[in-house]
Amino acid sequence: TTTTTETTTTTTETTTTTTETTTTTTETTTTTTETTTTTTETTTTTTETTTTTTETTTTTTETTTTTTETTTTTTETTT
């Protein structure tokens, strides 16, 4: 009696796990602040004062006094 028992067991297990994560974050913040302030203040004050005072006082006093007194006395006596 010959008994031959052959058992062949082949087990192949393949587990492949592929995880690919690609994260791209691009953040751009641009802040431009331009301030131009121009202040021009011009103050011009011109004061011109011309004062001309002319005072003329003329006083002329002329006094002419002519006094002529003539006294003639004639006495004639004839005798």
PDB file of N, CA and C in Angstrom:
ATOM      1  N   THR A   1       0.869  -1.163   0.000  1.00  0.00           N
ATOM      2  CA  THR A   1       0.000   0.000   0.000  1.00  0.00           C
ATOM      3  C   THR A   1       0.905   1.212   0.000  1.00  0.00           C
ATOM      4  N   THR A   2       0.672   2.064  -0.910  1.00  0.00           N
ATOM      5  CA  THR A   2       1.447   3.305  -0.999  1.00  0.00           C
ATOM      6  C   THR A   2       0.434   4.429  -1.038  1.00  0.00           C
ATOM      7  N   THR A   3       0.594   5.307  -0.159  1.00  0.00           N
ATOM      8  CA  THR A   3      -0.286   6.475  -0.111  1.00  0.00           C
ATOM      9  C   THR A   3       0.595   7.701  -0.266  1.00  0.00           C
ATOM     10  N   THR A   4       0.251   8.481  -1.217  1.00  0.00           N
ATOM     11  CA  THR A   4       1.004   9.716  -1.479  1.00  0.00           C
ATOM     12  C   THR A   4       0.001  10.855  -1.369  1.00  0.00           C
ATOM     13  N   THR A   5       0.307  11.679  -0.517  1.00  0.00           N
ATOM     14  CA  THR A   5      -0.547  12.861  -0.347  1.00  0.00           C
ATOM     15  C   THR A   5       0.347  14.088  -0.598  1.00  0.00           C
ATOM     16  N   GLU A   6      -0.053  14.856  -1.556  1.00  0.00           N
ATOM     17  CA  GLU A   6       0.696  16.048  -1.914  1.00  0.00           C
ATOM     18  C   GLU A   6      -0.258  17.218  -1.721  1.00  0.00           C
ATOM     19  N   THR A   7       0.208  18.131  -0.970  1.00  0.00           N
ATOM     20  CA  THR A   7      -0.590  19.343  -0.756  1.00  0.00           C
ATOM     21  C   THR A   7       0.286  20.524  -1.110  1.00  0.00           C
ATOM     22  N   THR A   8      -0.202  21.286  -1.995  1.00  0.00           N
ATOM     23  CA  THR A   8       0.534  22.491  -2.413  1.00  0.00           C
ATOM     24  C   THR A   8      -0.390  23.658  -2.127  1.00  0.00           C
ATOM     25  N   THR A   9       0.088  24.513  -1.337  1.00  0.00           N
ATOM     26  CA  THR A   9      -0.677  25.720  -1.004  1.00  0.00           C
ATOM     27  C   THR A   9       0.194  26.912  -1.376  1.00  0.00           C
ATOM     28  N   THR A  10      -0.331  27.694  -2.212  1.00  0.00           N
ATOM     29  CA  THR A  10       0.371  28.916  -2.627  1.00  0.00           C
ATOM     30  C   THR A  10      -0.549  30.072  -2.276  1.00  0.00           C
ATOM     31  N   THR A  11      -0.046  30.897  -1.489  1.00  0.00           N
ATOM     32  CA  THR A  11      -0.819  32.082  -1.080  1.00  0.00           C
ATOM     33  C   THR A  11       0.019  33.298  -1.454  1.00  0.00           C
ATOM     34  N   THR A  12      -0.551  34.067  -2.251  1.00  0.00           N
ATOM     35  CA  THR A  12       0.116  35.315  -2.666  1.00  0.00           C
ATOM     36  C   THR A  12      -0.814  36.448  -2.273  1.00  0.00           C
ATOM     37  N   GLU A  13      -0.304  37.285  -1.434  1.00  0.00           N
ATOM     38  CA  GLU A  13      -1.077  38.446  -0.983  1.00  0.00           C
ATOM     39  C   GLU A  13      -0.261  39.671  -1.335  1.00  0.00           C
ATOM     40  N   THR A  14      -0.854  40.518  -2.059  1.00  0.00           N
ATOM     41  CA  THR A  14      -0.190  41.783  -2.446  1.00  0.00           C
ATOM     42  C   THR A  14      -1.111  42.914  -2.031  1.00  0.00           C
ATOM     43  N   THR A  15      -0.573  43.745  -1.243  1.00  0.00           N
ATOM     44  CA  THR A  15      -1.328  44.921  -0.805  1.00  0.00           C
ATOM     45  C   THR A  15      -0.487  46.132  -1.204  1.00  0.00           C
ATOM     46  N   THR A  16      -1.050  46.908  -2.008  1.00  0.00           N
ATOM     47  CA  THR A  16      -0.369  48.135  -2.457  1.00  0.00           C
ATOM     48  C   THR A  16      -1.265  49.305  -2.084  1.00  0.00           C
ATOM     49  N   THR A  17      -0.710  50.143  -1.325  1.00  0.00           N
ATOM     50  CA  THR A  17      -1.438  51.357  -0.925  1.00  0.00           C
ATOM     51  C   THR A  17      -0.596  52.533  -1.374  1.00  0.00           C
ATOM     52  N   THR A  18      -1.143  53.294  -2.214  1.00  0.00           N
ATOM     53  CA  THR A  18      -0.463  54.506  -2.708  1.00  0.00           C
ATOM     54  C   THR A  18      -1.333  55.687  -2.338  1.00  0.00           C
ATOM     55  N   THR A  19      -0.740  56.553  -1.592  1.00  0.00           N
ATOM     56  CA  THR A  19      -1.443  57.785  -1.204  1.00  0.00           C
ATOM     57  C   THR A  19      -0.577  58.933  -1.681  1.00  0.00           C
ATOM     58  N   GLU A  20      -1.101  59.723  -2.542  1.00  0.00           N
ATOM     59  CA  GLU A  20      -0.391  60.881  -3.070  1.00  0.00           C
ATOM     60  C   GLU A  20      -1.227  62.098  -2.739  1.00  0.00           C
ATOM     61  N   THR A  21      -0.630  62.970  -2.051  1.00  0.00           N
ATOM     62  CA  THR A  21      -1.330  64.210  -1.706  1.00  0.00           C
ATOM     63  C   THR A  21      -0.455  65.354  -2.185  1.00  0.00           C
ATOM     64  N   THR A  22      -1.027  66.150  -3.001  1.00  0.00           N
ATOM     65  CA  THR A  22      -0.321  67.350  -3.491  1.00  0.00           C
ATOM     66  C   THR A  22      -1.162  68.548  -3.089  1.00  0.00           C
ATOM     67  N   THR A  23      -0.571  69.396  -2.296  1.00  0.00           N
ATOM     68  CA  THR A  23      -1.255  70.617  -1.844  1.00  0.00           C
ATOM     69  C   THR A  23      -0.394  71.790  -2.275  1.00  0.00           C
ATOM     70  N   THR A  24      -0.981  72.643  -3.049  1.00  0.00           N
ATOM     71  CA  THR A  24      -0.280  73.856  -3.498  1.00  0.00           C
ATOM     72  C   THR A  24      -1.122  75.041  -3.050  1.00  0.00           C
ATOM     73  N   THR A  25      -0.522  75.853  -2.238  1.00  0.00           N
ATOM     74  CA  THR A  25      -1.211  77.046  -1.742  1.00  0.00           C
ATOM     75  C   THR A  25      -0.361  78.244  -2.149  1.00  0.00           C
ATOM     76  N   THR A  26      -0.956  79.093  -2.920  1.00  0.00           N
ATOM     77  CA  THR A  26      -0.273  80.327  -3.343  1.00  0.00           C
ATOM     78  C   THR A  26      -1.114  81.491  -2.869  1.00  0.00           C
ATOM     79  N   GLU A  27      -0.542  82.282  -2.000  1.00  0.00           N
ATOM     80  CA  GLU A  27      -1.240  83.444  -1.486  1.00  0.00           C
ATOM     81  C   GLU A  27      -0.364  84.640  -1.812  1.00  0.00           C
ATOM     82  N   THR A  28      -0.940  85.601  -2.501  1.00  0.00           N
ATOM     83  CA  THR A  28      -0.208  86.826  -2.850  1.00  0.00           C
ATOM     84  C   THR A  28      -1.034  87.997  -2.352  1.00  0.00           C
ATOM     85  N   THR A  29      -0.427  88.787  -1.527  1.00  0.00           N
ATOM     86  CA  THR A  29      -1.084  89.995  -1.012  1.00  0.00           C
ATOM     87  C   THR A  29      -0.185  91.157  -1.394  1.00  0.00           C
ATOM     88  N   THR A  30      -0.747  92.064  -2.157  1.00  0.00           N
ATOM     89  CA  THR A  30      -0.011  93.258  -2.577  1.00  0.00           C
ATOM     90  C   THR A  30      -0.807  94.460  -2.108  1.00  0.00           C
ATOM     91  N   THR A  31      -0.183  95.258  -1.302  1.00  0.00           N
ATOM     92  CA  THR A  31      -0.825  96.482  -0.809  1.00  0.00           C
ATOM     93  C   THR A  31       0.064  97.638  -1.227  1.00  0.00           C
ATOM     94  N   THR A  32      -0.495  98.538  -2.008  1.00  0.00           N
ATOM     95  CA  THR A  32       0.239  99.725  -2.457  1.00  0.00           C
ATOM     96  C   THR A  32      -0.541 100.937  -1.978  1.00  0.00           C
ATOM     97  N   THR A  33       0.101 101.722  -1.175  1.00  0.00           N
ATOM     98  CA  THR A  33      -0.523 102.949  -0.679  1.00  0.00           C
ATOM     99  C   THR A  33       0.374 104.098  -1.101  1.00  0.00           C
ATOM    100  N   GLU A  34      -0.172 105.001  -1.895  1.00  0.00           N
ATOM    101  CA  GLU A  34       0.568 106.166  -2.367  1.00  0.00           C
ATOM    102  C   GLU A  34      -0.209 107.383  -1.933  1.00  0.00           C
ATOM    103  N   THR A  35       0.429 108.228  -1.185  1.00  0.00           N
ATOM    104  CA  THR A  35      -0.221 109.444  -0.717  1.00  0.00           C
ATOM    105  C   THR A  35       0.654 110.612  -1.136  1.00  0.00           C
ATOM    106  N   THR A  36       0.055 111.526  -1.858  1.00  0.00           N
ATOM    107  CA  THR A  36       0.759 112.743  -2.285  1.00  0.00           C
ATOM    108  C   THR A  36      -0.046 113.923  -1.764  1.00  0.00           C
ATOM    109  N   THR A  37       0.573 114.705  -0.935  1.00  0.00           N
ATOM    110  CA  THR A  37      -0.091 115.883  -0.378  1.00  0.00           C
ATOM    111  C   THR A  37       0.758 117.084  -0.747  1.00  0.00           C
ATOM    112  N   THR A  38       0.149 118.012  -1.442  1.00  0.00           N
ATOM    113  CA  THR A  38       0.831 119.249  -1.820  1.00  0.00           C
ATOM    114  C   THR A  38       0.021 120.396  -1.252  1.00  0.00           C
ATOM    115  N   THR A  39       0.638 121.161  -0.389  1.00  0.00           N
ATOM    116  CA  THR A  39      -0.032 122.312   0.210  1.00  0.00           C
ATOM    117  C   THR A  39       0.795 123.538  -0.141  1.00  0.00           C
ATOM    118  N   THR A  40       0.170 124.454  -0.831  1.00  0.00           N
ATOM    119  CA  THR A  40       0.834 125.703  -1.201  1.00  0.00           C
ATOM    120  C   THR A  40       0.012 126.830  -0.615  1.00  0.00           C
ATOM    121  N   GLU A  41       0.607 127.589   0.289  1.00  0.00           N
ATOM    122  CA  GLU A  41      -0.078 128.703   0.912  1.00  0.00           C
ATOM    123  C   GLU A  41       0.755 129.937   0.635  1.00  0.00           C
ATOM    124  N   THR A  42       0.148 130.910   0.020  1.00  0.00           N
ATOM    125  CA  THR A  42       0.841 132.155  -0.291  1.00  0.00           C
ATOM    126  C   THR A  42       0.031 133.286   0.308  1.00  0.00           C
ATOM    127  N   THR A  43       0.671 134.042   1.151  1.00  0.00           N
ATOM    128  CA  THR A  43       0.017 135.195   1.765  1.00  0.00           C
ATOM    129  C   THR A  43       0.865 136.411   1.404  1.00  0.00           C
ATOM    130  N   THR A  44       0.258 137.329   0.709  1.00  0.00           N
ATOM    131  CA  THR A  44       0.949 138.558   0.320  1.00  0.00           C
ATOM    132  C   THR A  44       0.164 139.722   0.888  1.00  0.00           C
ATOM    133  N   THR A  45       0.811 140.501   1.704  1.00  0.00           N
ATOM    134  CA  THR A  45       0.176 141.678   2.295  1.00  0.00           C
ATOM    135  C   THR A  45       1.023 142.876   1.896  1.00  0.00           C
ATOM    136  N   THR A  46       0.419 143.789   1.180  1.00  0.00           N
ATOM    137  CA  THR A  46       1.105 145.004   0.754  1.00  0.00           C
ATOM    138  C   THR A  46       0.327 146.179   1.324  1.00  0.00           C
ATOM    139  N   THR A  47       0.981 146.954   2.125  1.00  0.00           N
ATOM    140  CA  THR A  47       0.355 148.130   2.711  1.00  0.00           C
ATOM    141  C   THR A  47       1.201 149.323   2.294  1.00  0.00           C
ATOM    142  N   GLU A  48       0.598 150.220   1.555  1.00  0.00           N
ATOM    143  CA  GLU A  48       1.285 151.412   1.086  1.00  0.00           C
ATOM    144  C   GLU A  48       0.505 152.594   1.609  1.00  0.00           C
ATOM    145  N   THR A  49       1.157 153.401   2.366  1.00  0.00           N
ATOM    146  CA  THR A  49       0.505 154.579   2.914  1.00  0.00           C
ATOM    147  C   THR A  49       1.319 155.801   2.486  1.00  0.00           C
ATOM    148  N   THR A  50       0.662 156.694   1.806  1.00  0.00           N
ATOM    149  CA  THR A  50       1.304 157.944   1.383  1.00  0.00           C
ATOM    150  C   THR A  50       0.497 159.073   1.998  1.00  0.00           C
ATOM    151  N   THR A  51       1.146 159.834   2.823  1.00  0.00           N
ATOM    152  CA  THR A  51       0.482 160.956   3.468  1.00  0.00           C
ATOM    153  C   THR A  51       1.267 162.209   3.089  1.00  0.00           C
ATOM    154  N   THR A  52       0.578 163.098   2.460  1.00  0.00           N
ATOM    155  CA  THR A  52       1.193 164.375   2.085  1.00  0.00           C
ATOM    156  C   THR A  52       0.373 165.466   2.749  1.00  0.00           C
ATOM    157  N   THR A  53       1.016 166.198   3.601  1.00  0.00           N
ATOM    158  CA  THR A  53       0.337 167.296   4.292  1.00  0.00           C
ATOM    159  C   THR A  53       1.081 168.564   3.917  1.00  0.00           C
ATOM    160  N   THR A  54       0.368 169.482   3.317  1.00  0.00           N
ATOM    161  CA  THR A  54       0.933 170.778   2.937  1.00  0.00           C
ATOM    162  C   THR A  54       0.101 171.834   3.639  1.00  0.00           C
ATOM    163  N   GLU A  55       0.736 172.559   4.515  1.00  0.00           N
ATOM    164  CA  GLU A  55       0.057 173.604   5.243  1.00  0.00           C
ATOM    165  C   GLU A  55       0.788 174.896   4.913  1.00  0.00           C
ATOM    166  N   THR A  56       0.063 175.783   4.402  1.00  0.00           N
ATOM    167  CA  THR A  56       0.643 177.087   4.074  1.00  0.00           C
ATOM    168  C   THR A  56      -0.178 178.143   4.795  1.00  0.00           C
ATOM    169  N   THR A  57       0.476 178.851   5.600  1.00  0.00           N
ATOM    170  CA  THR A  57      -0.185 179.948   6.308  1.00  0.00           C
ATOM    171  C   THR A  57       0.543 181.222   5.907  1.00  0.00           C
ATOM    172  N   THR A  58      -0.177 182.083   5.302  1.00  0.00           N
ATOM    173  CA  THR A  58       0.395 183.383   4.881  1.00  0.00           C
ATOM    174  C   THR A  58      -0.414 184.470   5.566  1.00  0.00           C
ATOM    175  N   THR A  59       0.272 185.199   6.324  1.00  0.00           N
ATOM    176  CA  THR A  59      -0.370 186.323   7.003  1.00  0.00           C
ATOM    177  C   THR A  59       0.353 187.575   6.532  1.00  0.00           C
ATOM    178  N   THR A  60      -0.384 188.417   5.903  1.00  0.00           N
ATOM    179  CA  THR A  60       0.185 189.695   5.423  1.00  0.00           C
ATOM    180  C   THR A  60      -0.610 190.799   6.091  1.00  0.00           C
ATOM    181  N   THR A  61       0.086 191.547   6.813  1.00  0.00           N
ATOM    182  CA  THR A  61      -0.539 192.692   7.476  1.00  0.00           C
ATOM    183  C   THR A  61       0.187 193.927   6.956  1.00  0.00           C
ATOM    184  N   GLU A  62      -0.541 194.746   6.310  1.00  0.00           N
ATOM    185  CA  GLU A  62       0.008 195.984   5.789  1.00  0.00           C
ATOM    186  C   GLU A  62      -0.778 197.116   6.418  1.00  0.00           C
ATOM    187  N   THR A  63      -0.087 197.926   7.048  1.00  0.00           N
ATOM    188  CA  THR A  63      -0.740 199.089   7.659  1.00  0.00           C
ATOM    189  C   THR A  63      -0.020 200.322   7.138  1.00  0.00           C
ATOM    190  N   THR A  64      -0.778 201.096   6.524  1.00  0.00           N
ATOM    191  CA  THR A  64      -0.238 202.375   6.029  1.00  0.00           C
ATOM    192  C   THR A  64      -1.050 203.469   6.716  1.00  0.00           C
ATOM    193  N   THR A  65      -0.349 204.225   7.442  1.00  0.00           N
ATOM    194  CA  THR A  65      -0.997 205.335   8.132  1.00  0.00           C
ATOM    195  C   THR A  65      -0.289 206.608   7.661  1.00  0.00           C
ATOM    196  N   THR A  66      -1.049 207.426   7.091  1.00  0.00           N
ATOM    197  CA  THR A  66      -0.519 208.722   6.643  1.00  0.00           C
ATOM    198  C   THR A  66      -1.331 209.794   7.361  1.00  0.00           C
ATOM    199  N   THR A  67      -0.629 210.523   8.097  1.00  0.00           N
ATOM    200  CA  THR A  67      -1.270 211.627   8.819  1.00  0.00           C
ATOM    201  C   THR A  67      -0.594 212.917   8.362  1.00  0.00           C
ATOM    202  N   THR A  68      -1.373 213.736   7.829  1.00  0.00           N
ATOM    203  CA  THR A  68      -0.856 215.043   7.391  1.00  0.00           C
ATOM    204  C   THR A  68      -1.695 216.098   8.121  1.00  0.00           C
ATOM    205  N   GLU A  69      -1.004 216.839   8.840  1.00  0.00           N
ATOM    206  CA  GLU A  69      -1.650 217.918   9.595  1.00  0.00           C
ATOM    207  C   GLU A  69      -0.969 219.221   9.198  1.00  0.00           C
ATOM    208  N   THR A  70      -1.757 220.031   8.718  1.00  0.00           N
ATOM    209  CA  THR A  70      -1.204 221.333   8.340  1.00  0.00           C
ATOM    210  C   THR A  70      -2.027 222.394   9.090  1.00  0.00           C
ATOM    211  N   THR A  71      -1.311 223.141   9.776  1.00  0.00           N
ATOM    212  CA  THR A  71      -1.945 224.266  10.497  1.00  0.00           C
ATOM    213  C   THR A  71      -1.253 225.551  10.026  1.00  0.00           C
ATOM    214  N   THR A  72      -2.053 226.375   9.493  1.00  0.00           N
ATOM    215  CA  THR A  72      -1.521 227.665   9.029  1.00  0.00           C
ATOM    216  C   THR A  72      -2.302 228.764   9.769  1.00  0.00           C
ATOM    217  N   THR A  73      -1.567 229.541  10.368  1.00  0.00           N
ATOM    218  CA  THR A  73      -2.172 230.678  11.069  1.00  0.00           C
ATOM    219  C   THR A  73      -1.505 231.949  10.500  1.00  0.00           C
ATOM    220  N   THR A  74      -2.326 232.764   9.988  1.00  0.00           N
ATOM    221  CA  THR A  74      -1.819 234.041   9.427  1.00  0.00           C
ATOM    222  C   THR A  74      -2.544 235.176  10.169  1.00  0.00           C
ATOM    223  N   THR A  75      -1.769 235.953  10.684  1.00  0.00           N
ATOM    224  CA  THR A  75      -2.311 237.139  11.379  1.00  0.00           C
ATOM    225  C   THR A  75      -1.683 238.369  10.692  1.00  0.00           C
ATOM    226  N   GLU A  76      -2.539 239.197  10.186  1.00  0.00           N
ATOM    227  CA  GLU A  76      -2.087 240.429   9.526  1.00  0.00           C
ATOM    228  C   GLU A  76      -2.757 241.615  10.221  1.00  0.00           C
ATOM    229  N   THR A  77      -1.926 242.414  10.627  1.00  0.00           N
ATOM    230  CA  THR A  77      -2.446 243.611  11.288  1.00  0.00           C
ATOM    231  C   THR A  77      -1.887 244.815  10.542  1.00  0.00           C
ATOM    232  N   THR A  78      -2.781 245.623  10.095  1.00  0.00           N
ATOM    233  CA  THR A  78      -2.386 246.870   9.416  1.00  0.00           C
ATOM    234  C   THR A  78      -3.012 248.004  10.219  1.00  0.00           C
ATOM    235  N   THR A  79      -2.105 248.908  10.569  1.00  0.00           N
ATOM    236  CA  THR A  79      -2.579 250.086  11.302  1.00  0.00           C
ATOM    237  C   THR A  79      -2.154 251.291  10.503  1.00  0.00           C
TER     238      THR A  79
END
